[in-house]
Protein backbone atom coordinates (compact mmCIF):
# COMPACT_ATOMS: atom_id res chain seq x y z
CA MET A 1 -14.80 4.40 4.20
CA ARG A 2 -15.56 8.33 5.14
CA ARG A 3 -15.79 10.48 1.50
CA ARG A 4 -16.19 10.32 -2.06
CA CYS A 5 -13.63 12.22 -4.22
CA PRO A 6 -15.51 13.93 -7.03
CA LYS A 7 -13.84 13.58 -10.79
CA SER A 8 -15.50 14.42 -13.80
CA ARG A 9 -17.31 12.74 -16.13
CA ALA A 10 -18.20 10.46 -12.00
CA PRO A 11 -22.05 9.44 -12.50
CA GLN A 12 -24.30 11.69 -9.21
CA PRO A 13 -25.97 8.89 -7.08
CA ARG A 14 -29.49 8.65 -8.36
CA ARG A 15 -32.03 9.11 -5.87
CA GLN A 16 -33.63 6.77 -4.24
CA GLU A 17 -37.98 7.12 -5.67
CA THR A 18 -39.74 4.94 -3.17
CA ALA A 19 -39.97 4.80 0.33
CA ALA A 20 -37.33 1.84 0.53
CA PRO A 21 -33.82 3.29 2.65
CA PRO A 22 -30.86 2.25 0.62
CA PRO A 23 -28.70 -0.60 0.94
CA THR A 24 -26.21 -0.58 4.25
CA VAL A 25 -22.03 -1.76 2.92
CA SER A 26 -19.92 -2.59 5.28
CA ILE A 27 -15.90 -3.03 3.35
CA ILE A 28 -13.20 -5.19 5.28
CA SER A 29 -10.03 -5.01 3.00
CA LEU A 30 -7.32 -6.58 3.33
CA GLY A 31 -3.54 -6.70 2.45
CA CYS A 32 -1.71 -3.33 1.09
CA PRO A 33 -3.10 0.20 -0.24
CA LYS A 34 -2.76 -1.20 -4.00
CA ASN A 35 -5.99 -3.10 -2.61
CA GLU A 36 -7.22 -0.40 -0.32
CA VAL A 37 -7.78 1.70 -3.75
CA ASP A 38 -9.44 -1.11 -5.37
CA ALA A 39 -11.64 -0.64 -2.26
CA GLU A 40 -12.25 2.74 -2.29
CA ILE A 41 -12.92 2.55 -5.43
CA MET A 42 -16.70 -0.30 -5.02
CA ALA A 43 -17.47 1.87 -2.69
CA GLY A 44 -17.38 5.07 -4.42
CA LEU A 45 -19.29 2.96 -7.60
CA LEU A 46 -21.57 1.69 -4.47
CA ALA A 47 -22.18 5.64 -3.13
CA THR A 48 -22.64 6.25 -6.68
CA ALA A 49 -25.50 4.01 -6.49
CA GLY A 50 -27.23 5.04 -3.87
CA CYS A 51 -25.66 2.78 -1.20
CA ASP A 52 -24.17 4.54 2.54
CA PHE A 53 -21.52 2.43 4.70
CA THR A 54 -20.73 0.94 7.56
CA ASP A 55 -18.21 -0.06 9.07
CA ASN A 56 -20.31 -2.56 11.35
CA PRO A 57 -20.70 -6.28 9.42
CA GLU A 58 -23.23 -6.98 11.56
CA VAL A 59 -25.61 -3.93 11.15
CA ALA A 60 -24.18 -3.66 6.69
CA ASP A 61 -27.04 -5.22 5.06
CA ILE A 62 -23.85 -6.03 2.06
CA ILE A 63 -20.51 -7.48 3.77
CA ILE A 64 -17.67 -7.79 0.84
CA VAL A 65 -14.76 -8.39 2.47
CA ASN A 66 -11.64 -7.28 0.04
CA THR A 67 -8.49 -9.65 0.34
CA CYS A 68 -4.99 -10.37 -0.09
CA ALA A 69 -3.62 -13.42 -1.40
CA PHE A 70 0.28 -12.88 -1.64
CA ILE A 71 1.79 -15.38 0.97
CA ALA A 72 0.00 -18.14 2.84
CA PRO A 73 -0.08 -14.88 6.17
CA ALA A 74 -2.50 -13.27 4.03
CA VAL A 75 -4.58 -16.00 2.49
CA ARG A 76 -5.16 -17.08 6.21
CA GLU A 77 -6.52 -14.13 7.77
CA ALA A 78 -8.76 -13.49 3.91
CA LYS A 79 -10.27 -16.82 5.48
CA GLU A 80 -10.33 -16.29 9.29
CA THR A 81 -12.35 -12.74 7.86
CA LEU A 82 -14.51 -14.92 6.02
CA SER A 83 -15.16 -17.16 8.69
CA LYS A 84 -16.35 -14.71 10.99
CA MET A 85 -18.67 -13.06 7.77
CA SER A 86 -20.54 -16.04 7.57
CA LYS A 87 -21.39 -16.68 10.71
CA ILE A 88 -22.56 -13.08 10.97
CA LYS A 89 -24.58 -14.07 7.51
CA ALA A 90 -25.34 -17.62 9.28
CA SER A 91 -27.48 -15.31 12.03
CA ASP A 92 -29.07 -13.54 8.98
CA PRO A 93 -29.17 -14.98 5.66
CA SER A 94 -30.71 -11.76 4.24
CA LYS A 95 -27.22 -10.31 3.87
CA LEU A 96 -25.65 -10.46 1.32
CA LEU A 97 -21.60 -11.77 1.36
CA ILE A 98 -19.50 -11.53 -0.83
CA CYS A 99 -15.71 -12.31 -1.44
CA ALA A 100 -13.92 -9.74 -3.52
CA GLY A 101 -10.26 -9.35 -4.62
CA CYS A 102 -6.61 -11.53 -4.74
CA LEU A 103 -7.95 -14.46 -3.14
CA PRO A 104 -10.61 -15.25 -6.11
CA GLN A 105 -8.14 -14.84 -8.02
CA ARG A 106 -5.76 -17.02 -6.61
CA GLU A 107 -8.46 -19.86 -5.38
CA LYS A 108 -11.34 -18.61 -7.88
CA GLU A 109 -14.61 -21.25 -6.82
CA GLY A 110 -13.44 -23.21 -4.79
CA LEU A 111 -14.14 -20.66 -2.18
CA TYR A 112 -17.82 -21.51 -2.92
CA SER A 113 -17.62 -25.09 -0.92
CA GLU A 114 -15.33 -23.72 1.67
CA PHE A 115 -17.62 -21.07 2.36
CA PRO A 116 -21.10 -21.97 1.40
CA GLU A 117 -22.41 -18.59 3.15
CA LEU A 118 -21.03 -16.70 -0.24
CA ASP A 119 -23.15 -15.28 -3.02
CA ALA A 120 -20.53 -13.97 -4.75
CA VAL A 121 -16.76 -14.47 -5.46
CA ILE A 122 -15.18 -11.41 -7.49
CA ALA A 123 -11.98 -11.12 -8.50
CA PRO A 124 -9.70 -8.31 -9.20
CA ASP A 125 -11.45 -7.90 -12.97
CA HIS A 126 -15.05 -7.80 -11.77
CA ILE A 127 -13.94 -4.21 -9.33
CA ALA A 128 -15.60 -1.69 -11.98
CA GLN A 129 -19.09 -4.63 -12.37
CA ILE A 130 -19.73 -4.24 -8.81
CA GLU A 131 -23.73 -2.63 -8.47
CA THR A 132 -24.24 -4.50 -11.47
CA ILE A 133 -23.10 -7.38 -9.05
CA ILE A 134 -25.54 -6.61 -6.31
CA ARG A 135 -27.97 -5.49 -8.47
CA ARG A 136 -28.68 -9.33 -9.57
CA LEU A 137 -27.89 -10.86 -6.32
CA ALA A 138 -30.68 -8.54 -4.71
CA LYS A 139 -32.82 -9.28 -7.58
CA ARG A 140 -32.43 -13.04 -8.06
CA ARG A 141 -30.36 -13.75 -5.03
CA GLN A 142 -28.90 -15.91 -7.11
CA THR A 143 -24.98 -16.50 -7.14
CA PRO A 144 -23.43 -15.16 -10.53
CA ARG A 145 -20.79 -17.51 -11.73
CA LEU A 146 -18.42 -14.58 -12.89
CA GLU A 147 -14.96 -16.25 -15.00
CA ILE A 148 -11.59 -15.43 -13.63
CA ALA A 149 -9.57 -15.05 -16.32
CA SER A 150 -5.97 -12.89 -16.59
CA PRO A 151 -7.34 -8.92 -14.83
CA GLU A 152 -7.76 -6.74 -17.33
CA TYR A 153 -9.35 -3.50 -15.36
CA LEU A 154 -7.67 -0.29 -14.69
CA TYR A 155 -9.39 1.83 -12.82
CA ASP A 156 -9.47 6.08 -14.30
CA HIS A 157 -9.82 9.64 -12.88
CA ALA A 158 -13.11 9.25 -13.62
CA THR A 159 -13.61 6.37 -11.14
CA PRO A 160 -15.72 7.84 -8.38
CA ARG A 161 -13.69 6.63 -5.34
CA LEU A 162 -14.60 6.55 -1.81
CA LEU A 163 -11.60 7.25 0.14
CA SER A 164 -10.60 5.23 3.17
CA THR A 165 -7.38 7.41 4.58
CA PRO A 166 -7.02 10.26 6.87
CA PRO A 167 -8.19 13.55 5.10
CA ALA A 168 -5.42 14.49 4.11
CA THR A 169 -3.73 11.88 2.82
CA ALA A 170 -4.02 9.82 -0.63
CA TYR A 171 -2.98 6.85 -2.69
CA ILE A 172 -3.05 6.36 -5.85
CA LYS A 173 -2.40 4.05 -7.82
CA ILE A 174 -0.51 5.09 -11.37
CA ALA A 175 -0.23 1.62 -12.24
CA GLU A 176 -1.84 -2.71 -11.60
CA GLY A 177 0.08 -5.99 -12.59
CA CYS A 178 3.63 -6.53 -12.73
CA LEU A 179 5.97 -7.18 -14.88
CA HIS A 180 8.70 -9.53 -13.03
CA ALA A 181 9.20 -12.53 -12.64
CA CYS A 182 10.03 -13.35 -9.09
CA SER A 183 10.71 -17.12 -7.97
CA PHE A 184 8.69 -16.75 -5.01
CA CYS A 185 5.47 -14.11 -6.20
CA THR A 186 2.06 -15.10 -6.91
CA ILE A 187 1.68 -11.61 -7.96
CA PRO A 188 1.70 -11.83 -11.78
CA GLN A 189 -0.59 -14.89 -11.63
CA LEU A 190 -3.11 -12.71 -9.52
CA ARG A 191 -2.73 -8.97 -10.95
CA GLY A 192 -1.95 -9.26 -14.42
CA ARG A 193 0.39 -7.92 -16.88
CA TYR A 194 1.86 -4.73 -16.19
CA ARG A 195 -0.21 -1.64 -17.25
CA SER A 196 0.18 2.01 -16.41
CA ARG A 197 -2.74 4.62 -16.56
CA ARG A 198 -2.17 8.10 -18.91
CA PRO A 199 0.22 10.66 -17.09
CA ASP A 200 -3.09 12.61 -17.94
CA SER A 201 -5.66 10.85 -16.08
CA VAL A 202 -3.10 10.45 -12.57
CA VAL A 203 -2.52 14.04 -12.71
CA THR A 204 -6.41 14.89 -12.96
CA GLU A 205 -7.02 12.78 -10.54
CA ALA A 206 -4.36 13.89 -8.05
CA GLU A 207 -5.99 17.89 -8.90
CA ALA A 208 -8.88 15.70 -7.46
CA LEU A 209 -7.52 15.11 -4.49
CA VAL A 210 -6.06 18.32 -3.74
CA ASN A 211 -9.50 20.00 -4.53
CA LEU A 212 -11.05 17.18 -1.84
CA GLY A 213 -8.12 19.11 0.82
CA VAL A 214 -5.31 16.33 0.52
CA ARG A 215 -2.41 17.58 1.15
CA GLU A 216 -0.44 14.12 0.70
CA LEU A 217 -0.36 11.56 -1.49
CA ILE A 218 0.66 8.23 -2.14
CA LEU A 219 1.71 6.44 -5.98
CA ILE A 220 1.55 2.97 -5.64
CA ALA A 221 2.44 0.11 -8.29
CA GLN A 222 3.40 -3.48 -7.85
CA ASP A 223 6.59 -1.36 -9.31
CA THR A 224 6.89 2.07 -9.95
CA THR A 225 9.47 2.52 -11.30
CA ALA A 226 8.51 0.53 -14.32
CA TYR A 227 5.47 3.41 -14.77
CA GLY A 228 5.14 4.22 -18.67
CA ARG A 229 6.66 1.40 -19.78
CA ASP A 230 4.08 -0.27 -21.80
CA LEU A 231 2.36 3.09 -23.64
CA SER A 232 1.93 3.10 -26.92
CA ASP A 233 3.04 6.06 -27.77
CA GLY A 234 6.70 6.84 -26.04
CA GLY A 235 8.43 9.38 -23.11
CA ALA A 236 5.87 9.05 -20.00
CA ASN A 237 7.54 7.66 -17.15
CA ILE A 238 7.85 8.00 -13.28
CA ALA A 239 10.72 11.05 -13.62
CA SER A 240 8.25 13.06 -15.91
CA LEU A 241 5.54 11.63 -13.94
CA MET A 242 6.45 13.27 -10.49
CA ALA A 243 7.72 15.89 -11.92
CA ALA A 244 4.19 16.85 -13.04
CA LEU A 245 2.85 15.43 -9.62
CA ALA A 246 5.20 18.12 -7.32
CA ARG A 247 4.48 21.22 -9.97
CA ILE A 248 0.65 20.92 -9.07
CA GLU A 249 0.04 23.72 -6.34
CA GLY A 250 -1.18 22.20 -2.65
CA ILE A 251 0.61 19.13 -2.78
CA ASP A 252 2.70 19.72 0.26
CA TRP A 253 4.02 16.30 0.14
CA LEU A 254 4.38 13.22 -2.98
CA ARG A 255 5.63 10.19 -1.33
CA LEU A 256 7.02 7.21 -4.30
CA MET A 257 6.58 3.31 -3.12
CA TYR A 258 7.47 0.19 -3.91
CA ALA A 259 10.60 1.30 -6.62
CA TYR A 260 12.50 -1.68 -8.48
CA PRO A 261 16.15 -1.46 -7.73
CA GLY A 262 17.06 -1.61 -10.91
CA GLU A 263 15.44 0.79 -12.01
CA ILE A 264 16.51 4.21 -9.98
CA THR A 265 17.40 6.62 -12.91
CA ASP A 266 19.91 9.66 -12.12
CA GLU A 267 16.74 11.19 -13.77
CA LEU A 268 14.38 9.61 -11.47
CA LEU A 269 16.72 10.89 -8.37
CA GLU A 270 17.30 14.29 -9.72
CA VAL A 271 13.56 15.16 -9.68
CA PHE A 272 13.93 13.99 -6.18
CA ALA A 273 16.10 16.05 -5.30
CA SER A 274 14.54 19.01 -7.26
CA ALA A 275 11.57 19.26 -6.37
CA LYS A 276 10.60 20.02 -2.51
CA ASN A 277 7.17 19.10 -1.91
CA ILE A 278 8.44 15.01 -2.97
CA CYS A 279 9.31 13.10 -0.02
CA ASN A 280 13.40 12.20 -0.04
CA TYR A 281 12.02 8.93 1.06
CA ILE A 282 12.58 5.80 -1.25
CA ASP A 283 11.09 2.21 -0.41
CA LEU A 284 13.30 0.64 -2.35
CA PRO A 285 12.17 -3.51 -1.90
CA LEU A 286 15.81 -5.53 -2.54
CA GLN A 287 14.75 -8.95 -1.13
CA HIS A 288 18.62 -10.20 -0.23
CA SER A 289 22.27 -9.26 -0.57
CA ALA A 290 24.08 -12.71 -1.87
CA PRO A 291 24.44 -12.65 -5.47
CA ARG A 292 23.65 -16.39 -6.14
CA ILE A 293 20.12 -16.29 -3.55
CA LEU A 294 18.99 -13.49 -6.11
CA LYS A 295 19.54 -15.35 -9.46
CA ALA A 296 17.26 -17.58 -8.18
CA MET A 297 14.68 -15.16 -6.85
CA ARG A 298 15.28 -13.94 -10.36
CA ARG A 299 16.13 -10.18 -8.45
CA PRO A 300 18.62 -8.12 -10.16
CA GLY A 301 21.93 -6.96 -8.75
CA ALA A 302 24.26 -8.44 -5.69
CA GLY A 303 24.74 -6.53 -2.32
CA GLU A 304 27.92 -4.85 -3.69
CA GLU A 305 25.65 -2.75 -6.46
CA TYR A 306 22.46 -2.15 -3.92
CA LEU A 307 25.22 -0.12 -1.61
CA ARG A 308 26.32 1.99 -4.13
CA LEU A 309 22.34 2.59 -5.43
CA ILE A 310 22.27 3.71 -1.49
CA GLU A 311 25.64 5.72 -1.81
CA LYS A 312 24.03 7.48 -4.79
CA ILE A 313 20.71 7.90 -3.48
CA ARG A 314 22.12 9.74 -1.16
CA SER A 315 24.37 11.68 -2.49
CA PHE A 316 21.56 13.48 -4.21
CA MET A 317 19.93 13.29 -1.39
CA PRO A 318 21.79 12.99 1.83
CA GLU A 319 19.44 13.05 5.05
CA ALA A 320 16.69 10.45 2.19
CA ALA A 321 15.00 8.03 4.29
CA LEU A 322 15.14 4.68 2.61
CA ARG A 323 13.11 1.57 3.79
CA SER A 324 13.76 -1.67 1.84
CA ALA A 325 12.14 -5.40 2.38
CA PHE A 326 14.26 -8.56 2.39
CA ILE A 327 13.02 -12.66 2.42
CA VAL A 328 15.07 -15.14 5.01
CA GLY A 329 14.80 -18.59 4.40
CA PHE A 330 14.40 -18.60 0.67
CA PRO A 331 15.57 -22.25 -0.63
CA GLY A 332 19.37 -23.11 -0.40
CA GLU A 333 20.32 -20.36 1.85
CA THR A 334 23.41 -21.44 3.40
CA GLU A 335 24.18 -19.55 6.82
CA ASP A 336 27.29 -17.87 5.27
CA GLU A 337 24.45 -16.32 2.76
CA PHE A 338 22.63 -15.19 5.73
CA ARG A 339 25.57 -13.58 7.54
CA ASN A 340 26.30 -12.04 4.16
CA LEU A 341 22.66 -10.03 4.09
CA LEU A 342 23.75 -9.37 8.28
CA ARG A 343 26.52 -7.85 6.68
CA PHE A 344 25.04 -5.88 3.87
CA LEU A 345 22.64 -3.95 6.83
CA ASP A 346 25.39 -2.98 8.53
CA ASN A 347 26.66 -1.15 5.35
CA ALA A 348 23.73 -0.21 4.50
CA GLN A 349 22.38 1.33 7.39
CA ILE A 350 18.78 1.80 5.48
CA ASP A 351 16.34 3.88 7.58
CA ARG A 352 13.27 1.46 7.94
CA VAL A 353 13.53 -2.20 7.19
CA GLY A 354 9.95 -4.50 7.14
CA ALA A 355 12.03 -8.78 6.62
CA PHE A 356 9.29 -12.07 6.11
CA PRO A 357 10.32 -15.50 6.38
CA PHE A 358 10.23 -17.15 3.44
CA TYR A 359 6.57 -18.84 2.46
CA CYS A 360 6.50 -22.05 0.03
CA GLU A 361 3.48 -20.23 -2.55
CA ALA A 362 2.02 -23.51 -5.19
CA GLY A 363 1.85 -21.85 -8.41
CA THR A 364 5.68 -20.17 -7.85
CA THR A 365 9.28 -20.76 -8.83
CA ALA A 366 10.71 -21.62 -5.86
CA ALA A 367 8.19 -24.27 -4.20
CA ASP A 368 10.08 -26.71 -6.27
CA LEU A 369 13.90 -25.64 -5.67
CA PRO A 370 15.73 -27.70 -3.91
CA GLY A 371 16.57 -27.04 -0.19
CA GLN A 372 13.77 -25.75 1.27
CA LEU A 373 15.09 -25.18 4.44
CA PRO A 374 13.40 -25.79 7.89
CA ALA A 375 10.44 -24.26 9.74
CA ALA A 376 13.02 -23.44 12.60
CA VAL A 377 16.20 -22.42 11.19
CA VAL A 378 13.33 -20.08 8.87
CA GLN A 379 12.15 -18.23 12.37
CA GLU A 380 15.79 -17.98 13.71
CA ARG A 381 16.51 -15.83 11.37
CA TYR A 382 14.19 -13.59 10.84
CA GLU A 383 14.15 -12.84 13.66
CA THR A 384 18.15 -12.30 14.04
CA LEU A 385 17.24 -9.68 10.98
CA MET A 386 15.26 -8.23 12.46
CA LEU A 387 16.90 -7.34 16.54
CA ARG A 388 19.89 -6.41 14.13
CA GLN A 389 17.45 -4.05 12.84
CA GLN A 390 16.17 -2.49 15.26
CA ASP A 391 20.03 -1.76 16.46
CA ILE A 392 20.15 0.21 13.32
CA ALA A 393 16.50 1.83 13.04
CA ARG A 394 17.62 3.01 16.42
CA GLU A 395 20.58 3.98 16.07
CA LYS A 396 18.93 6.46 12.67
CA ASN A 397 16.53 8.29 14.75
CA LEU A 398 18.58 9.31 17.50
CA ALA A 399 19.88 11.41 15.21
CA TRP A 400 17.23 13.54 15.02
CA ILE A 401 16.88 14.60 18.34
CA GLU A 402 17.57 18.10 18.40
CA LYS A 403 16.15 18.51 14.91
CA GLU A 404 13.68 19.51 13.92
CA LEU A 405 11.34 18.35 11.57
CA ASP A 406 7.64 19.30 10.06
CA VAL A 407 4.78 16.43 11.26
CA LEU A 408 1.34 15.59 9.62
CA ILE A 409 -0.86 15.21 12.21
CA GLU A 410 -3.08 12.22 12.34
CA ASN A 411 -4.41 11.55 15.76
CA THR A 412 -4.71 14.43 18.38
CA GLY A 413 -5.73 13.69 21.87
CA ASP A 414 -5.61 15.41 25.72
CA ASP A 415 -2.18 14.14 26.69
CA GLU A 416 0.43 13.14 23.08
CA ILE A 417 -1.04 13.47 19.66
CA SER A 418 1.25 11.72 16.78
CA GLY A 419 1.91 12.06 12.72
CA ARG A 420 3.81 11.37 10.16
CA SER A 421 7.30 13.03 9.02
CA PHE A 422 8.58 12.82 5.79
CA ARG A 423 10.50 10.02 6.69
CA ASP A 424 7.43 7.89 7.27
CA ALA A 425 4.47 5.95 5.33
CA PRO A 426 1.60 5.29 6.92
CA GLU A 427 0.98 2.51 8.41
CA ILE A 428 4.50 0.44 8.25
CA ASP A 429 7.14 3.50 9.42
CA GLY A 430 7.11 4.98 12.61
CA GLN A 431 5.54 7.78 14.43
CA VAL A 432 6.14 11.06 15.69
CA LEU A 433 4.26 11.87 19.35
CA LEU A 434 3.85 15.18 20.19
CA GLU A 435 3.27 17.12 23.90
CA PRO A 436 0.05 18.77 23.33
CA PRO A 437 -0.18 22.27 22.64
CA ALA A 438 -1.31 24.96 24.68
CA PRO A 439 -5.16 25.59 24.50
CA GLU A 440 -5.37 28.14 22.00
CA ALA A 441 -2.93 26.70 19.93
CA ALA A 442 -5.06 23.74 19.53
CA ILE A 443 -3.59 21.44 16.33
CA GLN A 444 -6.31 19.72 13.83
CA PRO A 445 -6.37 16.21 12.18
CA GLY A 446 -4.81 16.99 8.09
CA GLU A 447 -2.56 19.77 9.89
CA PHE A 448 1.39 20.61 9.47
CA VAL A 449 3.39 21.53 12.86
CA ARG A 450 6.82 21.54 12.68
CA ALA A 451 8.48 19.83 15.17
CA ARG A 452 11.76 19.94 17.77
CA ILE A 453 12.68 16.15 17.96
CA THR A 454 13.53 15.82 22.49
CA ALA A 455 13.81 11.58 22.15
CA ALA A 456 13.66 8.52 20.23
CA THR A 457 13.13 4.54 19.90
CA GLU A 458 14.00 2.34 17.24
CA TYR A 459 10.72 3.16 15.78
CA ASP A 460 9.33 6.19 16.91
CA LEU A 461 10.14 9.92 17.60
CA TYR A 462 9.17 11.92 20.24
CA GLY A 463 8.81 15.82 20.45
CA ARG A 464 7.56 19.00 21.16
CA ILE A 465 5.61 21.76 19.10
CA VAL A 466 7.55 24.62 17.97
CA SER A 467 5.78 26.29 15.17
CA SER A 468 1.88 25.31 13.70
CA GLN A 469 0.98 25.04 10.15
CA THR A 470 4.01 25.08 8.30
CA THR A 471 4.04 23.60 4.51
CA GLY A 472 5.33 20.30 3.84
CA ALA A 473 9.09 20.87 3.80
CA THR A 474 10.72 17.13 3.06
């Protein structure tokens, strides 16, 4: 963890009055950016309590594994990580080992039997108690058995955070939980009901992040377009929130993730089109295009409606970068329905696509549906879809050759520097790889440059810098 974001009314770190060194914490965060924010909050609370941090769990006094448990591969990764950390603790029983996040919400106290080295299992609702939990463990060496109920916790602008993202970028979680009932999804069980933060709290946090030097803010939630619907006084929605954030001086890029297809309004698109610092980028998980499959998924719309929505988005933002996600091999998916999805991709020409083989998740409605497909069929369809999308993505990227883009620099080296354009969200999209500038024009991470694109692959763009210190036009 790299930096602490100072927030209004945040408590200041307490000075150690004894000669004993402060405990050192290693936080391993798995899964999505929403989970990363939770890890940053735990780090901020522990930093306020005087802890130090390390990326090396072998030298840490306290190891926290912040887990994801959305689908089977995430559970597998979480348990593999816990197994590795358990071996580290076995070699030094004085260490504390804590499992946090969605896996405890999913498996509860069963984790103690599977990983007897664990000192504590804490769910998302226990994040704010992390200092107290560790203090109890250190003092009594007793495992606190915490009640794991439906989550209600929601952080605000006064909650300390220690950012783990590159210096110019930060996430803001604007809501927690989910109000949808998709038949394949465990998120409502893991994260509870949908609950929005107050608009003024989000704006205050954004201002504090900008004062810290952040230039790109990324709004996240399980469904960002549902923002404000649960607030009692009404009036707040994602369009008004983004408009308020766009007015904050110092925000060069404002990016929206996890938008629900049925909630993209003209009001929201007008905000996108009118604010120069809002990235013309929309993350729009569609999941499928065949009407019967979408109905079985409990998702709105169908392929033809989605195509009209994409056309409308591009009418407001002709060069908009669209990202989507799809599930292949859903129970009962016929060959014709899968071909329907491939035709949809050809027609939609989406810039970025992620695909997932269907995973039969216990506790979901889809797990009990008839027509579960053989794993080999699901894998073949996944590979077919991704190959089709690679061709589309390559053509979309090739269209940028000889054009110019603003690039937020993230890594610098002797032979090449890299960053992202407005078309690229961190970790999930591509990069812009640039020729290094002359020594007298050294570029640092966190700066914007203007680059002319000279080559492209299906994932990345290549170019050369034509000017430096631009201000994030989209």
